[in-house]
Amino acid sequence: RKRFPAAILEQLNHRKDSSLYGLIKTPTCPDGVIKDNSILRVIENSLTFGFLHRYRDPMTGEGDMEAMVSGLNDFWSAVAETFPEAWAIPPRQSRLMHGAGMISMGFIMDAIADRFPTTAPTKEDFISDLEPLQSICHWTRGEWDFGAAGKRRWDDLQNTGKEIQLLANHLLLEYKQRVWSKHPMRAAS
């Protein structure tokens, strides 16, 4: 169960055409800025019930690694383009690169993919769905407004289950209000 997600992570971290090339901190890449456990959780969550699940072989738990790596690369490339000021810098300077941000954005990836049930979203599709979230994301400065849960300084978010859930729920709610409600599922073109 753990070997396949780890193999995907290695592909993302070592392929020169990957948006995560060299960014994931592993024993073979000690200068990375994203903890490997954060990316592993994104992959494992998505394999279980998200975007990557559509490429999974239910008999082996593995699947079409190339399609998975390609889809993940498209998503993280879109994130990098949508939030350039928060990308590829240490987590103490960007909560996007922090465990809470990475895992929460993994849930956004899965939600975006749900709008494309018969095709894989492209990098451009991901960008289009991420852009409406720019104004509410405070990855490097400002305050997150969690409504009834209060406001939090951008760097007060921690990598705990409760904080990840708070951020993920906030982003998913905003995504559904800003994108899903206006542009529901898309069929194959």
C-alpha atoms as a PDB file:
ATOM      1  CA  ARG A   1       0.000   0.000   0.000  1.00  0.00           C
ATOM      2  CA  LYS A   2       2.833   2.406   0.751  1.00  0.00           C
ATOM      3  CA  ARG A   3       5.196   1.370  -2.036  1.00  0.00           C
ATOM      4  CA  PHE A   4       3.079   2.621  -4.941  1.00  0.00           C
ATOM      5  CA  PRO A   5       2.478   6.146  -3.528  1.00  0.00           C
ATOM      6  CA  ALA A   6       6.210   6.329  -2.736  1.00  0.00           C
ATOM      7  CA  ALA A   7       7.031   5.388  -6.348  1.00  0.00           C
ATOM      8  CA  ILE A   8       4.728   8.167  -7.600  1.00  0.00           C
ATOM      9  CA  LEU A   9       6.412  10.624  -5.217  1.00  0.00           C
ATOM     10  CA  GLU A  10       9.835   9.623  -6.551  1.00  0.00           C
ATOM     11  CA  GLN A  11       8.680  10.230 -10.127  1.00  0.00           C
ATOM     12  CA  LEU A  12       7.355  13.681  -9.185  1.00  0.00           C
ATOM     13  CA  ASN A  13      10.549  14.599  -7.379  1.00  0.00           C
ATOM     14  CA  HIS A  14      13.106  13.297  -9.879  1.00  0.00           C
ATOM     15  CA  ARG A  15      11.634  13.879 -13.324  1.00  0.00           C
ATOM     16  CA  LYS A  16      12.968  17.109 -14.787  1.00  0.00           C
ATOM     17  CA  ASP A  17       9.606  17.829 -16.451  1.00  0.00           C
ATOM     18  CA  SER A  18       7.813  17.699 -13.068  1.00  0.00           C
ATOM     19  CA  SER A  19       6.471  20.813 -11.375  1.00  0.00           C
ATOM     20  CA  LEU A  20       7.679  19.262  -8.091  1.00  0.00           C
ATOM     21  CA  TYR A  21      11.178  18.463  -9.410  1.00  0.00           C
ATOM     22  CA  GLY A  22      13.583  18.649  -6.475  1.00  0.00           C
ATOM     23  CA  LEU A  23      11.009  20.282  -4.191  1.00  0.00           C
ATOM     24  CA  ILE A  24      10.113  17.249  -2.061  1.00  0.00           C
ATOM     25  CA  LYS A  25      12.427  16.702   0.899  1.00  0.00           C
ATOM     26  CA  THR A  26      13.535  13.061   0.942  1.00  0.00           C
ATOM     27  CA  PRO A  27      16.763  11.268   1.909  1.00  0.00           C
ATOM     28  CA  THR A  28      17.869  11.560  -1.731  1.00  0.00           C
ATOM     29  CA  CYS A  29      16.761  15.207  -1.956  1.00  0.00           C
ATOM     30  CA  PRO A  30      17.587  16.847   1.387  1.00  0.00           C
ATOM     31  CA  ASP A  31      17.218  20.402   0.008  1.00  0.00           C
ATOM     32  CA  GLY A  32      13.532  20.020  -0.847  1.00  0.00           C
ATOM     33  CA  VAL A  33      11.045  22.392   0.801  1.00  0.00           C
ATOM     34  CA  ILE A  34       7.966  20.125   0.931  1.00  0.00           C
ATOM     35  CA  LYS A  35       7.957  17.278   3.440  1.00  0.00           C
ATOM     36  CA  ASP A  36       7.601  13.927   1.718  1.00  0.00           C
ATOM     37  CA  ASN A  37       4.869  12.880   4.173  1.00  0.00           C
ATOM     38  CA  SER A  38       2.687  15.779   2.990  1.00  0.00           C
ATOM     39  CA  ILE A  39       2.885  14.679  -0.647  1.00  0.00           C
ATOM     40  CA  LEU A  40       2.406  11.033   0.340  1.00  0.00           C
ATOM     41  CA  ARG A  41      -0.820  11.989   2.141  1.00  0.00           C
ATOM     42  CA  VAL A  42      -2.060  13.857  -0.940  1.00  0.00           C
ATOM     43  CA  ILE A  43      -1.334  10.808  -3.110  1.00  0.00           C
ATOM     44  CA  GLU A  44      -2.810   8.299  -0.653  1.00  0.00           C
ATOM     45  CA  ASN A  45      -5.973  10.384  -0.121  1.00  0.00           C
ATOM     46  CA  SER A  46      -6.464  10.797  -3.860  1.00  0.00           C
ATOM     47  CA  LEU A  47      -5.821   7.108  -4.579  1.00  0.00           C
ATOM     48  CA  THR A  48      -8.441   6.164  -2.012  1.00  0.00           C
ATOM     49  CA  PHE A  49     -11.324   8.405  -3.077  1.00  0.00           C
ATOM     50  CA  GLY A  50     -10.101  11.177  -5.356  1.00  0.00           C
ATOM     51  CA  PHE A  51      -8.696  12.054  -8.757  1.00  0.00           C
ATOM     52  CA  LEU A  52      -6.062   9.309  -8.808  1.00  0.00           C
ATOM     53  CA  HIS A  53      -8.620   6.646  -7.937  1.00  0.00           C
ATOM     54  CA  ARG A  54      -9.874   6.672 -11.536  1.00  0.00           C
ATOM     55  CA  TYR A  55      -6.457   5.360 -12.674  1.00  0.00           C
ATOM     56  CA  ARG A  56      -6.212   2.714  -9.939  1.00  0.00           C
ATOM     57  CA  ASP A  57      -6.414  -1.025 -10.388  1.00  0.00           C
ATOM     58  CA  PRO A  58      -8.743  -2.242  -7.617  1.00  0.00           C
ATOM     59  CA  MET A  59      -7.106  -5.676  -7.616  1.00  0.00           C
ATOM     60  CA  THR A  60      -3.552  -4.468  -6.940  1.00  0.00           C
ATOM     61  CA  GLY A  61      -4.082  -0.988  -5.492  1.00  0.00           C
ATOM     62  CA  GLU A  62      -1.617   0.252  -8.055  1.00  0.00           C
ATOM     63  CA  GLY A  63      -2.504   1.548 -11.504  1.00  0.00           C
ATOM     64  CA  ASP A  64      -1.506   3.721 -14.427  1.00  0.00           C
ATOM     65  CA  MET A  65       1.463   5.503 -12.887  1.00  0.00           C
ATOM     66  CA  GLU A  66       2.129   7.618 -15.973  1.00  0.00           C
ATOM     67  CA  ALA A  67      -1.447   8.978 -15.997  1.00  0.00           C
ATOM     68  CA  MET A  68      -1.250   9.665 -12.262  1.00  0.00           C
ATOM     69  CA  VAL A  69       2.089  11.463 -12.476  1.00  0.00           C
ATOM     70  CA  SER A  70       0.858  13.458 -15.468  1.00  0.00           C
ATOM     71  CA  GLY A  71      -2.347  14.501 -13.662  1.00  0.00           C
ATOM     72  CA  LEU A  72      -0.465  15.452 -10.502  1.00  0.00           C
ATOM     73  CA  ASN A  73       2.073  17.377 -12.536  1.00  0.00           C
ATOM     74  CA  ASP A  74      -0.705  19.296 -14.318  1.00  0.00           C
ATOM     75  CA  PHE A  75      -2.327  20.168 -10.990  1.00  0.00           C
ATOM     76  CA  TRP A  76       0.842  21.297  -9.195  1.00  0.00           C
ATOM     77  CA  SER A  77       1.977  23.239 -12.293  1.00  0.00           C
ATOM     78  CA  ALA A  78      -1.369  25.046 -12.160  1.00  0.00           C
ATOM     79  CA  VAL A  79      -0.918  25.730  -8.435  1.00  0.00           C
ATOM     80  CA  ALA A  80       2.576  27.129  -9.091  1.00  0.00           C
ATOM     81  CA  GLU A  81       1.217  29.452 -11.795  1.00  0.00           C
ATOM     82  CA  THR A  82      -1.817  30.505  -9.761  1.00  0.00           C
ATOM     83  CA  PHE A  83       0.147  31.238  -6.572  1.00  0.00           C
ATOM     84  CA  PRO A  84       3.665  32.119  -7.826  1.00  0.00           C
ATOM     85  CA  GLU A  85       4.607  34.227  -4.784  1.00  0.00           C
ATOM     86  CA  ALA A  86       3.955  31.256  -2.480  1.00  0.00           C
ATOM     87  CA  TRP A  87       5.569  28.535  -4.612  1.00  0.00           C
ATOM     88  CA  ALA A  88       8.931  26.793  -4.038  1.00  0.00           C
ATOM     89  CA  ILE A  89       9.855  28.669  -0.860  1.00  0.00           C
ATOM     90  CA  PRO A  90      10.267  27.260   2.661  1.00  0.00           C
ATOM     91  CA  PRO A  91       7.088  26.496   4.656  1.00  0.00           C
ATOM     92  CA  ARG A  92       7.978  29.126   7.250  1.00  0.00           C
ATOM     93  CA  GLN A  93       7.555  31.683   4.431  1.00  0.00           C
ATOM     94  CA  SER A  94       4.598  30.020   2.667  1.00  0.00           C
ATOM     95  CA  ARG A  95       1.784  27.983   4.132  1.00  0.00           C
ATOM     96  CA  LEU A  96       1.137  26.617   0.630  1.00  0.00           C
ATOM     97  CA  MET A  97       4.394  24.650   0.866  1.00  0.00           C
ATOM     98  CA  HIS A  98       3.515  23.613   4.440  1.00  0.00           C
ATOM     99  CA  GLY A  99       1.791  20.306   5.209  1.00  0.00           C
ATOM    100  CA  ALA A 100      -1.528  22.043   5.911  1.00  0.00           C
ATOM    101  CA  GLY A 101      -1.453  23.814   2.552  1.00  0.00           C
ATOM    102  CA  MET A 102      -0.289  20.874   0.463  1.00  0.00           C
ATOM    103  CA  ILE A 103      -2.780  18.404   1.921  1.00  0.00           C
ATOM    104  CA  SER A 104      -5.653  20.897   1.697  1.00  0.00           C
ATOM    105  CA  MET A 105      -4.798  21.659  -1.919  1.00  0.00           C
ATOM    106  CA  GLY A 106      -4.846  17.915  -2.593  1.00  0.00           C
ATOM    107  CA  PHE A 107      -8.532  17.931  -1.623  1.00  0.00           C
ATOM    108  CA  ILE A 108      -9.063  20.859  -4.014  1.00  0.00           C
ATOM    109  CA  MET A 109      -7.405  18.817  -6.787  1.00  0.00           C
ATOM    110  CA  ASP A 110      -9.870  16.009  -6.148  1.00  0.00           C
ATOM    111  CA  ALA A 111     -12.836  18.426  -6.109  1.00  0.00           C
ATOM    112  CA  ILE A 112     -11.752  19.976  -9.407  1.00  0.00           C
ATOM    113  CA  ALA A 113     -11.350  16.529 -10.961  1.00  0.00           C
ATOM    114  CA  ASP A 114     -14.920  15.705  -9.871  1.00  0.00           C
ATOM    115  CA  ARG A 115     -16.118  18.372 -12.309  1.00  0.00           C
ATOM    116  CA  PHE A 116     -14.512  16.356 -15.123  1.00  0.00           C
ATOM    117  CA  PRO A 117     -15.914  12.848 -14.607  1.00  0.00           C
ATOM    118  CA  THR A 118     -15.235  11.572 -18.129  1.00  0.00           C
ATOM    119  CA  THR A 119     -11.921  13.279 -18.900  1.00  0.00           C
ATOM    120  CA  ALA A 120      -8.857  14.310 -16.968  1.00  0.00           C
ATOM    121  CA  PRO A 121      -8.703  18.034 -16.271  1.00  0.00           C
ATOM    122  CA  THR A 122      -5.872  19.773 -18.081  1.00  0.00           C
ATOM    123  CA  LYS A 123      -3.432  22.207 -16.534  1.00  0.00           C
ATOM    124  CA  GLU A 124      -5.552  25.008 -17.997  1.00  0.00           C
ATOM    125  CA  ASP A 125      -8.706  23.535 -16.419  1.00  0.00           C
ATOM    126  CA  PHE A 126      -6.957  23.437 -13.056  1.00  0.00           C
ATOM    127  CA  ILE A 127      -5.785  27.043 -13.434  1.00  0.00           C
ATOM    128  CA  SER A 128      -9.281  28.186 -14.382  1.00  0.00           C
ATOM    129  CA  ASP A 129     -10.742  26.537 -11.277  1.00  0.00           C
ATOM    130  CA  LEU A 130      -7.965  27.734  -8.945  1.00  0.00           C
ATOM    131  CA  GLU A 131      -7.993  31.403  -9.978  1.00  0.00           C
ATOM    132  CA  PRO A 132     -11.276  32.224  -8.159  1.00  0.00           C
ATOM    133  CA  LEU A 133      -9.562  31.127  -4.924  1.00  0.00           C
ATOM    134  CA  GLN A 134      -6.646  33.564  -5.236  1.00  0.00           C
ATOM    135  CA  SER A 135      -8.324  36.371  -3.303  1.00  0.00           C
ATOM    136  CA  ILE A 136      -9.174  34.218  -0.270  1.00  0.00           C
ATOM    137  CA  CYS A 137      -5.823  32.400  -0.009  1.00  0.00           C
ATOM    138  CA  HIS A 138      -3.302  33.957   2.350  1.00  0.00           C
ATOM    139  CA  TRP A 139      -0.314  31.699   1.884  1.00  0.00           C
ATOM    140  CA  THR A 140       2.421  34.260   2.632  1.00  0.00           C
ATOM    141  CA  ARG A 141       0.792  37.225   4.407  1.00  0.00           C
ATOM    142  CA  GLY A 142      -2.486  38.547   5.746  1.00  0.00           C
ATOM    143  CA  GLU A 143      -5.244  36.677   7.537  1.00  0.00           C
ATOM    144  CA  TRP A 144      -7.397  33.700   6.716  1.00  0.00           C
ATOM    145  CA  ASP A 145     -11.078  34.390   7.337  1.00  0.00           C
ATOM    146  CA  PHE A 146     -12.658  31.128   8.460  1.00  0.00           C
ATOM    147  CA  GLY A 147     -16.064  32.710   9.121  1.00  0.00           C
ATOM    148  CA  ALA A 148     -17.561  31.367  12.354  1.00  0.00           C
ATOM    149  CA  ALA A 149     -14.212  29.720  13.191  1.00  0.00           C
ATOM    150  CA  GLY A 150     -12.582  33.173  13.285  1.00  0.00           C
ATOM    151  CA  LYS A 151      -9.608  34.787  11.617  1.00  0.00           C
ATOM    152  CA  ARG A 152      -6.058  33.452  11.720  1.00  0.00           C
ATOM    153  CA  ARG A 153      -2.739  34.967  10.731  1.00  0.00           C
ATOM    154  CA  TRP A 154      -1.393  33.311   7.596  1.00  0.00           C
ATOM    155  CA  ASP A 155       1.450  31.638   9.506  1.00  0.00           C
ATOM    156  CA  ASP A 156      -0.636  30.470  12.471  1.00  0.00           C
ATOM    157  CA  LEU A 157      -1.847  27.373  10.603  1.00  0.00           C
ATOM    158  CA  GLN A 158      -0.157  24.222  11.852  1.00  0.00           C
ATOM    159  CA  ASN A 159       0.274  20.772  10.345  1.00  0.00           C
ATOM    160  CA  THR A 160      -2.261  19.032  12.605  1.00  0.00           C
ATOM    161  CA  GLY A 161      -5.368  17.089  11.632  1.00  0.00           C
ATOM    162  CA  LYS A 162      -7.645  19.777  13.063  1.00  0.00           C
ATOM    163  CA  GLU A 163      -5.873  22.633  11.270  1.00  0.00           C
ATOM    164  CA  ILE A 164      -5.702  20.741   7.965  1.00  0.00           C
ATOM    165  CA  GLN A 165      -9.421  20.017   8.240  1.00  0.00           C
ATOM    166  CA  LEU A 166     -10.154  23.684   8.999  1.00  0.00           C
ATOM    167  CA  LEU A 167      -8.203  24.874   5.952  1.00  0.00           C
ATOM    168  CA  ALA A 168      -9.446  22.113   3.638  1.00  0.00           C
ATOM    169  CA  ASN A 169     -13.085  22.686   4.589  1.00  0.00           C
ATOM    170  CA  HIS A 170     -12.677  26.433   4.070  1.00  0.00           C
ATOM    171  CA  LEU A 171     -11.089  26.005   0.643  1.00  0.00           C
ATOM    172  CA  LEU A 172     -13.633  23.387  -0.440  1.00  0.00           C
ATOM    173  CA  LEU A 173     -16.565  25.566   0.631  1.00  0.00           C
ATOM    174  CA  GLU A 174     -15.143  28.564  -1.222  1.00  0.00           C
ATOM    175  CA  TYR A 175     -14.415  26.403  -4.266  1.00  0.00           C
ATOM    176  CA  LYS A 176     -17.970  25.058  -4.346  1.00  0.00           C
ATOM    177  CA  GLN A 177     -19.423  28.571  -4.004  1.00  0.00           C
ATOM    178  CA  ARG A 178     -17.094  30.273  -6.470  1.00  0.00           C
ATOM    179  CA  VAL A 179     -16.705  27.573  -9.125  1.00  0.00           C
ATOM    180  CA  TRP A 180     -18.846  24.464  -8.741  1.00  0.00           C
ATOM    181  CA  SER A 181     -22.122  26.342  -8.320  1.00  0.00           C
ATOM    182  CA  LYS A 182     -21.456  28.336 -11.498  1.00  0.00           C
ATOM    183  CA  HIS A 183     -19.868  25.579 -13.576  1.00  0.00           C
ATOM    184  CA  PRO A 184     -21.029  22.102 -12.545  1.00  0.00           C
ATOM    185  CA  MET A 185     -19.699  18.859 -14.007  1.00  0.00           C
ATOM    186  CA  ARG A 186     -18.348  19.000 -17.495  1.00  0.00           C
ATOM    187  CA  ALA A 187     -18.898  16.234 -19.969  1.00  0.00           C
ATOM    188  CA  ALA A 188     -16.311  15.184 -22.511  1.00  0.00           C
ATOM    189  CA  SER A 189     -15.900  17.706 -25.284  1.00  0.00           C
END
